[in-house]
Amino acid sequence: MLIKALLIDPFHGEDEPMIREIEIENDLKAIYAALSHPLHPVSGIAVVRGPAGHHIFVDDEGLFKDPKYWFEVQGFPQALAGRGLVTRTDGRGETVSATIPASVLAQTVRRYVVRGKNGDR
């Protein structure tokens, strides 16, 4: 079954939005694929509390990978490394489609890029 999710992508290009709506299969393989990036492969996931009753899947070991691309969600106590995937759960605890609009989520998220000594990525 496909679900709608919001991908927080600090790796985004200059002409791409940092937060975009995607459709993925509702399974772990698809969540891993959405979170992984060639510069930041994901081998374990964690779930953190997101805005408006939603949650965010993130790389469980992202902080240990010398990350260069981060995002911060208003109200969460620390920045998160790599990509994030926003969904929500139903009354049975099953992962279901996100209902928060990307434009609303964008008001609570900031991107960080750690640059090298010469300003390179």
Protein backbone atom coordinates (compact mmCIF):
# COMPACT_ATOMS: atom_id res chain seq x y z
CA MET A 1 0.00 0.00 0.00
CA LEU A 2 1.34 3.43 -0.92
CA ILE A 3 1.42 6.22 1.65
CA LYS A 4 2.14 9.92 1.30
CA ALA A 5 5.19 11.13 3.22
CA LEU A 6 7.18 14.34 3.39
CA LEU A 7 10.88 13.98 2.69
CA ILE A 8 13.14 16.46 4.48
CA ASP A 9 16.20 16.53 2.25
CA PRO A 10 19.13 18.71 3.33
CA PHE A 11 21.06 17.36 0.31
CA HIS A 12 18.63 19.14 -2.07
CA GLY A 13 19.92 21.16 -5.00
CA GLU A 14 19.65 24.91 -5.37
CA ASP A 15 16.52 24.62 -7.54
CA GLU A 16 14.78 21.96 -5.45
CA PRO A 17 12.68 22.37 -2.30
CA MET A 18 14.14 20.96 0.90
CA ILE A 19 10.77 19.42 1.79
CA ARG A 20 8.78 17.56 -0.82
CA GLU A 21 5.87 15.17 -0.85
CA ILE A 22 6.63 11.63 -2.01
CA GLU A 23 4.66 8.39 -2.24
CA ILE A 24 6.32 5.25 -0.92
CA GLU A 25 5.35 1.70 -0.12
CA ASN A 26 4.45 1.32 3.54
CA ASP A 27 7.37 -0.94 4.43
CA LEU A 28 10.85 -0.70 5.96
CA LYS A 29 12.66 -1.27 2.67
CA ALA A 30 11.01 1.83 1.16
CA ILE A 31 11.71 3.91 4.28
CA TYR A 32 15.40 2.96 4.19
CA ALA A 33 15.53 3.81 0.48
CA ALA A 34 13.92 7.22 1.04
CA LEU A 35 16.31 8.08 3.89
CA SER A 36 19.48 6.93 2.15
CA HIS A 37 21.64 9.21 0.02
CA PRO A 38 24.93 8.37 -1.76
CA LEU A 39 26.73 10.70 0.68
CA HIS A 40 24.85 9.34 3.68
CA PRO A 41 23.71 5.68 3.43
CA VAL A 42 21.33 4.52 6.16
CA SER A 43 21.66 1.16 7.93
CA GLY A 44 19.39 1.74 10.95
CA ILE A 45 16.40 3.96 11.61
CA ALA A 46 14.93 5.73 14.60
CA VAL A 47 11.67 7.62 15.02
CA VAL A 48 11.50 11.05 16.65
CA ARG A 49 8.52 13.22 17.48
CA GLY A 50 7.61 15.68 14.78
CA PRO A 51 5.16 18.57 14.54
CA ALA A 52 1.34 18.35 14.60
CA GLY A 53 1.10 14.71 15.75
CA HIS A 54 3.48 13.43 13.11
CA HIS A 55 6.76 11.57 13.53
CA ILE A 56 10.03 11.63 11.63
CA PHE A 57 12.04 8.59 10.59
CA VAL A 58 15.77 9.41 10.73
CA ASP A 59 19.14 7.66 10.49
CA ASP A 60 19.69 6.01 13.87
CA GLU A 61 23.47 6.35 13.53
CA GLY A 62 23.57 9.65 11.63
CA LEU A 63 25.46 11.52 14.33
CA PHE A 64 28.34 9.02 14.18
CA LYS A 65 28.96 9.44 10.44
CA ASP A 66 30.72 12.83 10.44
CA PRO A 67 27.65 14.28 8.73
CA LYS A 68 27.80 17.42 6.60
CA TYR A 69 24.05 17.82 6.00
CA TRP A 70 21.70 18.43 8.91
CA PHE A 71 18.22 19.69 9.64
CA GLU A 72 16.58 21.02 12.77
CA VAL A 73 12.90 20.79 13.66
CA GLN A 74 11.45 23.48 15.89
CA GLY A 75 10.72 22.03 19.33
CA PHE A 76 13.13 19.08 18.98
CA PRO A 77 16.19 19.40 21.25
CA GLN A 78 18.92 18.66 18.69
CA ALA A 79 19.75 18.82 15.00
CA LEU A 80 19.30 15.62 12.98
CA ALA A 81 21.78 14.28 10.42
CA GLY A 82 20.86 13.25 6.88
CA ARG A 83 17.32 13.01 5.57
CA GLY A 84 14.06 12.77 7.50
CA LEU A 85 10.78 11.15 6.47
CA VAL A 86 7.59 12.54 7.99
CA THR A 87 4.52 10.32 8.43
CA ARG A 88 2.02 9.71 11.22
CA THR A 89 0.38 6.74 12.92
CA ASP A 90 -3.25 5.71 13.17
CA GLY A 91 -5.09 4.55 16.30
CA ARG A 92 -3.59 1.05 15.96
CA GLY A 93 -0.02 2.36 15.74
CA GLU A 94 0.29 1.67 12.01
CA THR A 95 2.28 4.10 9.85
CA VAL A 96 -0.06 6.11 7.60
CA SER A 97 0.15 9.10 5.27
CA ALA A 98 1.29 12.48 6.52
CA THR A 99 -1.44 15.10 6.64
CA ILE A 100 0.65 18.17 7.45
CA PRO A 101 1.21 20.31 4.33
CA ALA A 102 4.83 20.68 3.18
CA SER A 103 4.47 24.47 3.43
CA VAL A 104 3.51 24.23 7.12
CA LEU A 105 6.33 21.80 7.89
CA ALA A 106 8.79 24.10 6.11
CA GLN A 107 8.03 26.81 8.69
CA THR A 108 9.42 24.54 11.45
CA VAL A 109 12.52 23.13 9.70
CA ARG A 110 15.97 24.67 9.17
CA ARG A 111 18.82 23.25 7.08
CA TYR A 112 22.51 23.21 8.03
CA VAL A 113 25.48 22.37 5.83
CA VAL A 114 28.93 21.95 7.37
CA ARG A 115 31.39 23.36 4.87
CA GLY A 116 35.07 22.49 4.52
CA LYS A 117 37.90 24.91 5.22
CA ASN A 118 37.63 26.32 1.69
CA GLY A 119 33.84 26.62 1.81
CA ASP A 120 33.33 23.48 -0.25
CA ARG A 121 30.60 20.95 0.49
